[in-house]
């Protein structure tokens, strides 16, 4: 989105952008993605400049989607806390899009937050294993999504959710319940404390587990955490307080760096 141009990054900052994900599904010219073949061994020199400029502009560095090496490079360079805006726990579901326990610990040690993703393939190892064992299911789902959407823009995400959940209902893929979200929240919180866990949802493009159809179901998370014994204060942090803290820290870092520059 920044077109390899720090000037464009500064324009976005002036327009109010306050976080940026370093990669998506494929590598950028300056950072490796978790779902592409490594090309840069993490961040390039320019990628490090991007992270430093994000710090100066008060833009939070988002490490969801990046490779493990890119994560550690960004963590080393950044003077402000980082977020993983929509990543879950690799210890519970082994996929490169999720974070290992060591990564979660390192993120938290620098004040950052892991925001749990609700996508069924990042929550459930049974679903993930079935996908890998039966790639033909994914091809069938993609074909059905294309058939339903034809040329309608913005249709794919909605239909992918609908068609994949239909496959789960039919027993072609394992059914994933919304309570798996709580498992990932609880794992991360037990690992690094409630101060470093948040909600990442991914409602705009992921396949939701049953019982978490849309944002109207979010109070279930509050209820489940209360039943697990989490305090109201910690739940408020998980529901958004931690992310607000990171935004404030990024702003404070920017003021400090801009003051040093003057």
C-alpha atoms as a PDB file:
ATOM      1  CA  UNK A   1       0.000   0.000   0.000  1.00  0.00           C
ATOM      2  CA  UNK A   2       2.940   2.358   0.487  1.00  0.00           C
ATOM      3  CA  UNK A   3       4.385   1.551  -2.959  1.00  0.00           C
ATOM      4  CA  UNK A   4       7.884   1.171  -1.462  1.00  0.00           C
ATOM      5  CA  UNK A   5       7.836   4.887  -0.676  1.00  0.00           C
ATOM      6  CA  UNK A   6       8.287   6.381   2.798  1.00  0.00           C
ATOM      7  CA  UNK A   7       6.672   9.553   1.496  1.00  0.00           C
ATOM      8  CA  UNK A   8       3.446   7.640   0.878  1.00  0.00           C
ATOM      9  CA  UNK A   9       3.687   6.227   4.413  1.00  0.00           C
ATOM     10  CA  UNK A  10       3.920   9.784   5.783  1.00  0.00           C
ATOM     11  CA  UNK A  11       0.863  10.813   3.742  1.00  0.00           C
ATOM     12  CA  UNK A  12      -1.116   7.940   5.239  1.00  0.00           C
ATOM     13  CA  UNK A  13       0.021   9.012   8.704  1.00  0.00           C
ATOM     14  CA  UNK A  14      -1.147  12.580   8.013  1.00  0.00           C
ATOM     15  CA  UNK A  15      -4.520  11.169   6.899  1.00  0.00           C
ATOM     16  CA  UNK A  16      -4.899   9.317  10.201  1.00  0.00           C
ATOM     17  CA  UNK A  17      -3.669   5.787   9.514  1.00  0.00           C
ATOM     18  CA  UNK A  18      -2.511   4.341  12.839  1.00  0.00           C
ATOM     19  CA  UNK A  19      -1.452   0.787  12.084  1.00  0.00           C
ATOM     20  CA  UNK A  20      -0.089  -1.082   9.087  1.00  0.00           C
ATOM     21  CA  UNK A  21       0.347  -4.802   8.461  1.00  0.00           C
ATOM     22  CA  UNK A  22       3.813  -5.367   7.004  1.00  0.00           C
ATOM     23  CA  UNK A  23       2.757  -8.105   4.553  1.00  0.00           C
ATOM     24  CA  UNK A  24      -0.338  -9.969   3.440  1.00  0.00           C
ATOM     25  CA  UNK A  25      -0.357 -13.431   1.815  1.00  0.00           C
ATOM     26  CA  UNK A  26       2.743 -12.805  -0.312  1.00  0.00           C
ATOM     27  CA  UNK A  27       6.064 -11.086   0.280  1.00  0.00           C
ATOM     28  CA  UNK A  28       6.478  -7.375  -0.248  1.00  0.00           C
ATOM     29  CA  UNK A  29       9.686  -6.083  -1.812  1.00  0.00           C
ATOM     30  CA  UNK A  30      11.042  -5.526   1.699  1.00  0.00           C
ATOM     31  CA  UNK A  31       9.469  -8.144   4.011  1.00  0.00           C
ATOM     32  CA  UNK A  32       8.775 -11.881   3.970  1.00  0.00           C
ATOM     33  CA  UNK A  33       5.239 -13.198   4.474  1.00  0.00           C
ATOM     34  CA  UNK A  34       4.371 -16.307   6.492  1.00  0.00           C
ATOM     35  CA  UNK A  35       2.566 -17.810   3.487  1.00  0.00           C
ATOM     36  CA  UNK A  36       5.156 -17.206   0.757  1.00  0.00           C
ATOM     37  CA  UNK A  37       8.634 -18.578   0.037  1.00  0.00           C
ATOM     38  CA  UNK A  38      11.269 -16.545   1.932  1.00  0.00           C
ATOM     39  CA  UNK A  39      12.923 -13.986  -0.326  1.00  0.00           C
ATOM     40  CA  UNK A  40      14.624 -11.536   2.053  1.00  0.00           C
ATOM     41  CA  UNK A  41      15.427 -13.475   5.230  1.00  0.00           C
ATOM     42  CA  UNK A  42      12.947 -11.304   7.110  1.00  0.00           C
ATOM     43  CA  UNK A  43      13.143  -7.543   6.703  1.00  0.00           C
ATOM     44  CA  UNK A  44      15.417  -5.898   4.164  1.00  0.00           C
ATOM     45  CA  UNK A  45      17.345  -2.729   5.058  1.00  0.00           C
ATOM     46  CA  UNK A  46      14.493  -0.736   3.549  1.00  0.00           C
ATOM     47  CA  UNK A  47      12.032  -2.768   5.594  1.00  0.00           C
ATOM     48  CA  UNK A  48      13.864  -1.698   8.729  1.00  0.00           C
ATOM     49  CA  UNK A  49      13.567   1.907   7.562  1.00  0.00           C
ATOM     50  CA  UNK A  50       9.818   1.377   7.140  1.00  0.00           C
ATOM     51  CA  UNK A  51       9.497   0.189  10.743  1.00  0.00           C
ATOM     52  CA  UNK A  52      11.558   3.119  12.038  1.00  0.00           C
ATOM     53  CA  UNK A  53       9.454   5.580  10.050  1.00  0.00           C
ATOM     54  CA  UNK A  54       6.273   3.982  11.363  1.00  0.00           C
ATOM     55  CA  UNK A  55       7.620   4.610  14.865  1.00  0.00           C
ATOM     56  CA  UNK A  56       8.299   8.255  13.990  1.00  0.00           C
ATOM     57  CA  UNK A  57       4.795   8.666  12.558  1.00  0.00           C
ATOM     58  CA  UNK A  58       2.964   6.949  15.408  1.00  0.00           C
ATOM     59  CA  UNK A  59       1.812   4.058  13.202  1.00  0.00           C
ATOM     60  CA  UNK A  60       1.619   0.725  15.016  1.00  0.00           C
ATOM     61  CA  UNK A  61       3.597  -2.117  13.430  1.00  0.00           C
ATOM     62  CA  UNK A  62       1.287  -5.091  12.782  1.00  0.00           C
ATOM     63  CA  UNK A  63       3.060  -8.450  12.513  1.00  0.00           C
ATOM     64  CA  UNK A  64       0.108 -10.659  11.544  1.00  0.00           C
ATOM     65  CA  UNK A  65       0.846 -12.396   8.218  1.00  0.00           C
ATOM     66  CA  UNK A  66       4.628 -11.920   8.449  1.00  0.00           C
ATOM     67  CA  UNK A  67       7.186 -14.725   8.552  1.00  0.00           C
ATOM     68  CA  UNK A  68       8.762 -15.649  11.866  1.00  0.00           C
ATOM     69  CA  UNK A  69      12.048 -13.990  10.843  1.00  0.00           C
ATOM     70  CA  UNK A  70      10.241 -10.798   9.786  1.00  0.00           C
ATOM     71  CA  UNK A  71       8.509 -10.793  13.180  1.00  0.00           C
ATOM     72  CA  UNK A  72      11.772 -10.969  15.098  1.00  0.00           C
ATOM     73  CA  UNK A  73      13.402  -8.358  12.847  1.00  0.00           C
ATOM     74  CA  UNK A  74      10.493  -5.942  13.345  1.00  0.00           C
ATOM     75  CA  UNK A  75      10.525  -6.570  17.094  1.00  0.00           C
ATOM     76  CA  UNK A  76      14.234  -5.781  17.215  1.00  0.00           C
ATOM     77  CA  UNK A  77      13.934  -2.553  15.212  1.00  0.00           C
ATOM     78  CA  UNK A  78      10.738  -1.081  16.652  1.00  0.00           C
ATOM     79  CA  UNK A  79      10.940   1.245  19.634  1.00  0.00           C
ATOM     80  CA  UNK A  80       7.183   0.998  20.179  1.00  0.00           C
ATOM     81  CA  UNK A  81       5.084  -2.064  21.084  1.00  0.00           C
ATOM     82  CA  UNK A  82       3.763  -4.187  18.203  1.00  0.00           C
ATOM     83  CA  UNK A  83       0.425  -5.876  17.589  1.00  0.00           C
ATOM     84  CA  UNK A  84      -0.487  -9.099  15.855  1.00  0.00           C
ATOM     85  CA  UNK A  85      -3.865  -7.774  14.738  1.00  0.00           C
ATOM     86  CA  UNK A  86      -5.392 -11.148  13.782  1.00  0.00           C
ATOM     87  CA  UNK A  87      -3.274 -14.134  14.767  1.00  0.00           C
ATOM     88  CA  UNK A  88      -3.972 -17.108  17.017  1.00  0.00           C
ATOM     89  CA  UNK A  89      -1.762 -19.569  18.951  1.00  0.00           C
ATOM     90  CA  UNK A  90       0.403 -22.050  17.065  1.00  0.00           C
ATOM     91  CA  UNK A  91       0.616 -24.298  20.123  1.00  0.00           C
ATOM     92  CA  UNK A  92      -3.117 -25.002  19.692  1.00  0.00           C
ATOM     93  CA  UNK A  93      -3.272 -24.955  15.879  1.00  0.00           C
ATOM     94  CA  UNK A  94      -0.053 -25.431  13.942  1.00  0.00           C
ATOM     95  CA  UNK A  95      -0.158 -23.000  11.032  1.00  0.00           C
ATOM     96  CA  UNK A  96       2.428 -20.386   9.992  1.00  0.00           C
ATOM     97  CA  UNK A  97      -0.215 -17.665  10.371  1.00  0.00           C
ATOM     98  CA  UNK A  98      -0.337 -18.301  14.112  1.00  0.00           C
ATOM     99  CA  UNK A  99       2.309 -17.326  16.667  1.00  0.00           C
ATOM    100  CA  UNK A 100       4.503 -19.719  18.639  1.00  0.00           C
ATOM    101  CA  UNK A 101       4.638 -19.431  22.417  1.00  0.00           C
ATOM    102  CA  UNK A 102       8.138 -17.944  22.144  1.00  0.00           C
ATOM    103  CA  UNK A 103       6.873 -15.302  19.709  1.00  0.00           C
ATOM    104  CA  UNK A 104       3.957 -14.439  22.002  1.00  0.00           C
ATOM    105  CA  UNK A 105       6.355 -14.095  24.934  1.00  0.00           C
ATOM    106  CA  UNK A 106       8.690 -11.861  22.920  1.00  0.00           C
ATOM    107  CA  UNK A 107       5.775  -9.730  21.707  1.00  0.00           C
ATOM    108  CA  UNK A 108       4.509  -9.292  25.270  1.00  0.00           C
ATOM    109  CA  UNK A 109       7.963  -8.530  26.661  1.00  0.00           C
ATOM    110  CA  UNK A 110       7.992  -5.427  24.480  1.00  0.00           C
ATOM    111  CA  UNK A 111       4.474  -4.426  25.556  1.00  0.00           C
ATOM    112  CA  UNK A 112       2.675  -5.809  22.499  1.00  0.00           C
ATOM    113  CA  UNK A 113      -0.657  -7.578  22.033  1.00  0.00           C
ATOM    114  CA  UNK A 114      -1.734 -10.758  20.230  1.00  0.00           C
ATOM    115  CA  UNK A 115      -5.299 -10.314  18.951  1.00  0.00           C
ATOM    116  CA  UNK A 116      -6.927 -13.698  18.441  1.00  0.00           C
ATOM    117  CA  UNK A 117      -8.192 -14.546  14.948  1.00  0.00           C
ATOM    118  CA  UNK A 118     -11.550 -16.366  14.679  1.00  0.00           C
ATOM    119  CA  UNK A 119     -10.852 -18.142  11.365  1.00  0.00           C
ATOM    120  CA  UNK A 120     -11.644 -21.854  11.744  1.00  0.00           C
ATOM    121  CA  UNK A 121      -8.379 -22.878  10.073  1.00  0.00           C
ATOM    122  CA  UNK A 122      -6.381 -20.955  12.681  1.00  0.00           C
ATOM    123  CA  UNK A 123      -8.441 -22.164  15.663  1.00  0.00           C
ATOM    124  CA  UNK A 124      -8.885 -25.898  15.073  1.00  0.00           C
ATOM    125  CA  UNK A 125      -6.073 -28.392  14.356  1.00  0.00           C
ATOM    126  CA  UNK A 126      -8.718 -30.913  13.265  1.00  0.00           C
ATOM    127  CA  UNK A 127     -10.019 -28.505  10.619  1.00  0.00           C
ATOM    128  CA  UNK A 128      -6.476 -27.597   9.554  1.00  0.00           C
ATOM    129  CA  UNK A 129      -5.452 -31.265   9.251  1.00  0.00           C
ATOM    130  CA  UNK A 130      -8.577 -32.098   7.231  1.00  0.00           C
ATOM    131  CA  UNK A 131      -7.873 -29.223   4.840  1.00  0.00           C
ATOM    132  CA  UNK A 132      -4.318 -30.460   4.301  1.00  0.00           C
ATOM    133  CA  UNK A 133      -5.423 -34.079   3.904  1.00  0.00           C
ATOM    134  CA  UNK A 134      -8.163 -33.225   1.394  1.00  0.00           C
ATOM    135  CA  UNK A 135      -7.008 -30.383  -0.881  1.00  0.00           C
ATOM    136  CA  UNK A 136      -9.816 -31.335  -3.253  1.00  0.00           C
ATOM    137  CA  UNK A 137     -12.314 -29.895  -0.735  1.00  0.00           C
ATOM    138  CA  UNK A 138     -10.663 -26.497  -0.986  1.00  0.00           C
ATOM    139  CA  UNK A 139     -10.804 -26.658  -4.783  1.00  0.00           C
ATOM    140  CA  UNK A 140     -14.492 -27.588  -4.644  1.00  0.00           C
ATOM    141  CA  UNK A 141     -15.202 -24.732  -2.240  1.00  0.00           C
ATOM    142  CA  UNK A 142     -13.306 -22.226  -4.405  1.00  0.00           C
ATOM    143  CA  UNK A 143     -15.201 -23.398  -7.509  1.00  0.00           C
ATOM    144  CA  UNK A 144     -18.554 -23.054  -5.738  1.00  0.00           C
ATOM    145  CA  UNK A 145     -17.644 -19.566  -4.469  1.00  0.00           C
ATOM    146  CA  UNK A 146     -16.720 -18.479  -8.008  1.00  0.00           C
ATOM    147  CA  UNK A 147     -19.955 -19.942  -9.373  1.00  0.00           C
ATOM    148  CA  UNK A 148     -22.049 -18.093  -6.790  1.00  0.00           C
ATOM    149  CA  UNK A 149     -20.216 -14.792  -7.120  1.00  0.00           C
ATOM    150  CA  UNK A 150     -19.680 -14.649 -10.878  1.00  0.00           C
ATOM    151  CA  UNK A 151     -18.484 -11.045 -11.340  1.00  0.00           C
ATOM    152  CA  UNK A 152     -20.052  -9.470  -8.250  1.00  0.00           C
ATOM    153  CA  UNK A 153     -17.335  -7.481  -6.433  1.00  0.00           C
ATOM    154  CA  UNK A 154     -16.903  -8.091  -2.714  1.00  0.00           C
ATOM    155  CA  UNK A 155     -18.906 -11.303  -2.831  1.00  0.00           C
ATOM    156  CA  UNK A 156     -16.111 -13.825  -2.295  1.00  0.00           C
ATOM    157  CA  UNK A 157     -15.554 -13.321   1.432  1.00  0.00           C
ATOM    158  CA  UNK A 158     -19.247 -13.746   2.273  1.00  0.00           C
ATOM    159  CA  UNK A 159     -19.717 -16.798   0.085  1.00  0.00           C
ATOM    160  CA  UNK A 160     -16.464 -18.428   1.248  1.00  0.00           C
ATOM    161  CA  UNK A 161     -17.838 -18.305   4.783  1.00  0.00           C
ATOM    162  CA  UNK A 162     -21.215 -19.678   3.674  1.00  0.00           C
ATOM    163  CA  UNK A 163     -19.875 -22.486   1.477  1.00  0.00           C
ATOM    164  CA  UNK A 164     -17.194 -23.629   3.948  1.00  0.00           C
ATOM    165  CA  UNK A 165     -19.649 -23.740   6.829  1.00  0.00           C
ATOM    166  CA  UNK A 166     -21.994 -25.765   4.633  1.00  0.00           C
ATOM    167  CA  UNK A 167     -19.154 -28.261   4.095  1.00  0.00           C
ATOM    168  CA  UNK A 168     -18.718 -28.444   7.878  1.00  0.00           C
ATOM    169  CA  UNK A 169     -22.457 -29.024   8.361  1.00  0.00           C
ATOM    170  CA  UNK A 170     -22.355 -31.824   5.776  1.00  0.00           C
ATOM    171  CA  UNK A 171     -19.450 -33.470   7.587  1.00  0.00           C
ATOM    172  CA  UNK A 172     -16.922 -32.949   4.784  1.00  0.00           C
ATOM    173  CA  UNK A 173     -14.817 -30.810   7.123  1.00  0.00           C
ATOM    174  CA  UNK A 174     -14.716 -30.859  10.951  1.00  0.00           C
ATOM    175  CA  UNK A 175     -17.189 -28.565  12.668  1.00  0.00           C
ATOM    176  CA  UNK A 176     -15.552 -25.765  14.665  1.00  0.00           C
ATOM    177  CA  UNK A 177     -17.409 -24.110  17.551  1.00  0.00           C
ATOM    178  CA  UNK A 178     -16.939 -20.528  18.746  1.00  0.00           C
ATOM    179  CA  UNK A 179     -15.588 -21.744  22.085  1.00  0.00           C
ATOM    180  CA  UNK A 180     -12.271 -22.473  20.336  1.00  0.00           C
ATOM    181  CA  UNK A 181     -11.739 -18.686  20.406  1.00  0.00           C
ATOM    182  CA  UNK A 182     -11.834 -18.830  24.197  1.00  0.00           C
ATOM    183  CA  UNK A 183      -9.246 -21.627  24.190  1.00  0.00           C
ATOM    184  CA  UNK A 184      -6.802 -19.424  22.268  1.00  0.00           C
ATOM    185  CA  UNK A 185      -7.488 -16.351  24.423  1.00  0.00           C
ATOM    186  CA  UNK A 186      -6.982 -18.423  27.561  1.00  0.00           C
ATOM    187  CA  UNK A 187      -3.775 -20.020  26.269  1.00  0.00           C
ATOM    188  CA  UNK A 188      -2.216 -16.648  25.457  1.00  0.00           C
ATOM    189  CA  UNK A 189      -3.390 -15.056  28.710  1.00  0.00           C
ATOM    190  CA  UNK A 190      -1.962 -17.912  30.790  1.00  0.00           C
ATOM    191  CA  UNK A 191       1.287 -17.577  28.852  1.00  0.00           C
ATOM    192  CA  UNK A 192       1.861 -13.812  29.098  1.00  0.00           C
ATOM    193  CA  UNK A 193      -1.005 -12.345  31.138  1.00  0.00           C
ATOM    194  CA  UNK A 194      -4.245 -10.641  30.179  1.00  0.00           C
ATOM    195  CA  UNK A 195      -2.372  -7.366  29.510  1.00  0.00           C
ATOM    196  CA  UNK A 196      -1.133  -8.740  26.181  1.00  0.00           C
ATOM    197  CA  UNK A 197      -4.202 -10.406  24.636  1.00  0.00           C
ATOM    198  CA  UNK A 198      -6.943  -8.926  22.458  1.00  0.00           C
ATOM    199  CA  UNK A 199      -9.579  -9.770  19.860  1.00  0.00           C
ATOM    200  CA  UNK A 200      -8.654  -9.930  16.186  1.00  0.00           C
ATOM    201  CA  UNK A 201     -11.870 -11.412  14.733  1.00  0.00           C
ATOM    202  CA  UNK A 202     -11.150 -11.174  10.947  1.00  0.00           C
ATOM    203  CA  UNK A 203     -14.871 -10.876  10.254  1.00  0.00           C
ATOM    204  CA  UNK A 204     -14.158  -9.320   6.854  1.00  0.00           C
ATOM    205  CA  UNK A 205     -12.577 -12.313   5.188  1.00  0.00           C
ATOM    206  CA  UNK A 206     -12.361 -15.420   7.382  1.00  0.00           C
ATOM    207  CA  UNK A 207     -14.604 -18.427   7.929  1.00  0.00           C
ATOM    208  CA  UNK A 208     -16.291 -18.001  11.298  1.00  0.00           C
ATOM    209  CA  UNK A 209     -16.825 -20.848  13.754  1.00  0.00           C
ATOM    210  CA  UNK A 210     -20.375 -21.840  14.584  1.00  0.00           C
ATOM    211  CA  UNK A 211     -21.895 -19.527  17.173  1.00  0.00           C
ATOM    212  CA  UNK A 212     -19.782 -16.529  16.153  1.00  0.00           C
ATOM    213  CA  UNK A 213     -21.681 -15.507  13.033  1.00  0.00           C
ATOM    214  CA  UNK A 214     -21.142 -11.771  13.424  1.00  0.00           C
ATOM    215  CA  UNK A 215     -20.284  -9.045  15.927  1.00  0.00           C
ATOM    216  CA  UNK A 216     -23.612  -9.426  17.718  1.00  0.00           C
ATOM    217  CA  UNK A 217     -22.173 -12.590  19.298  1.00  0.00           C
ATOM    218  CA  UNK A 218     -19.202 -10.864  20.928  1.00  0.00           C
ATOM    219  CA  UNK A 219     -20.900 -10.697  24.369  1.00  0.00           C
ATOM    220  CA  UNK A 220     -20.510 -14.501  24.474  1.00  0.00           C
ATOM    221  CA  UNK A 221     -16.765 -13.958  24.817  1.00  0.00           C
ATOM    222  CA  UNK A 222     -17.284 -11.686  27.816  1.00  0.00           C
ATOM    223  CA  UNK A 223     -19.626 -14.238  29.400  1.00  0.00           C
ATOM    224  CA  UNK A 224     -17.246 -17.153  28.784  1.00  0.00           C
ATOM    225  CA  UNK A 225     -14.284 -15.283  30.276  1.00  0.00           C
ATOM    226  CA  UNK A 226     -16.306 -14.314  33.351  1.00  0.00           C
ATOM    227  CA  UNK A 227     -17.247 -17.976  33.832  1.00  0.00           C
ATOM    228  CA  UNK A 228     -13.555 -18.891  33.580  1.00  0.00           C
ATOM    229  CA  UNK A 229     -12.820 -16.520  36.451  1.00  0.00           C
ATOM    230  CA  UNK A 230     -11.310 -13.591  34.579  1.00  0.00           C
ATOM    231  CA  UNK A 231     -11.789 -10.262  36.357  1.00  0.00           C
ATOM    232  CA  UNK A 232     -13.879  -7.532  34.771  1.00  0.00           C
ATOM    233  CA  UNK A 233     -10.744  -5.358  34.566  1.00  0.00           C
ATOM    234  CA  UNK A 234      -8.826  -8.027  32.638  1.00  0.00           C
ATOM    235  CA  UNK A 235     -11.769  -8.684  30.329  1.00  0.00           C
ATOM    236  CA  UNK A 236     -11.983  -4.971  29.507  1.00  0.00           C
ATOM    237  CA  UNK A 237      -8.303  -5.082  28.567  1.00  0.00           C
ATOM    238  CA  UNK A 238      -8.867  -8.091  26.299  1.00  0.00           C
ATOM    239  CA  UNK A 239     -11.941  -6.507  24.684  1.00  0.00           C
ATOM    240  CA  UNK A 240      -9.951  -3.468  23.543  1.00  0.00           C
ATOM    241  CA  UNK A 241      -8.117  -1.775  26.377  1.00  0.00           C
ATOM    242  CA  UNK A 242      -4.807  -3.410  25.523  1.00  0.00           C
ATOM    243  CA  UNK A 243      -4.988  -2.276  21.908  1.00  0.00           C
ATOM    244  CA  UNK A 244      -5.763   1.284  22.989  1.00  0.00           C
ATOM    245  CA  UNK A 245      -2.710   1.138  25.267  1.00  0.00           C
ATOM    246  CA  UNK A 246      -0.491   0.151  22.332  1.00  0.00           C
ATOM    247  CA  UNK A 247      -1.902   2.998  20.218  1.00  0.00           C
ATOM    248  CA  UNK A 248      -1.089   5.427  23.037  1.00  0.00           C
ATOM    249  CA  UNK A 249       2.418   3.986  23.343  1.00  0.00           C
ATOM    250  CA  UNK A 250       2.973   4.388  19.602  1.00  0.00           C
ATOM    251  CA  UNK A 251       1.908   8.021  19.830  1.00  0.00           C
ATOM    252  CA  UNK A 252       4.204   8.620  22.794  1.00  0.00           C
ATOM    253  CA  UNK A 253       7.118   7.018  20.914  1.00  0.00           C
ATOM    254  CA  UNK A 254       6.454   9.243  17.909  1.00  0.00           C
ATOM    255  CA  UNK A 255       6.492  12.402  20.048  1.00  0.00           C
ATOM    256  CA  UNK A 256       9.766  11.279  21.634  1.00  0.00           C
ATOM    257  CA  UNK A 257      11.427  10.524  18.292  1.00  0.00           C
ATOM    258  CA  UNK A 258      10.177  13.706  16.687  1.00  0.00           C
ATOM    259  CA  UNK A 259      11.473  15.685  19.664  1.00  0.00           C
ATOM    260  CA  UNK A 260      14.886  14.046  19.339  1.00  0.00           C
ATOM    261  CA  UNK A 261      14.974  14.901  15.633  1.00  0.00           C
ATOM    262  CA  UNK A 262      14.332  18.578  16.387  1.00  0.00           C
END
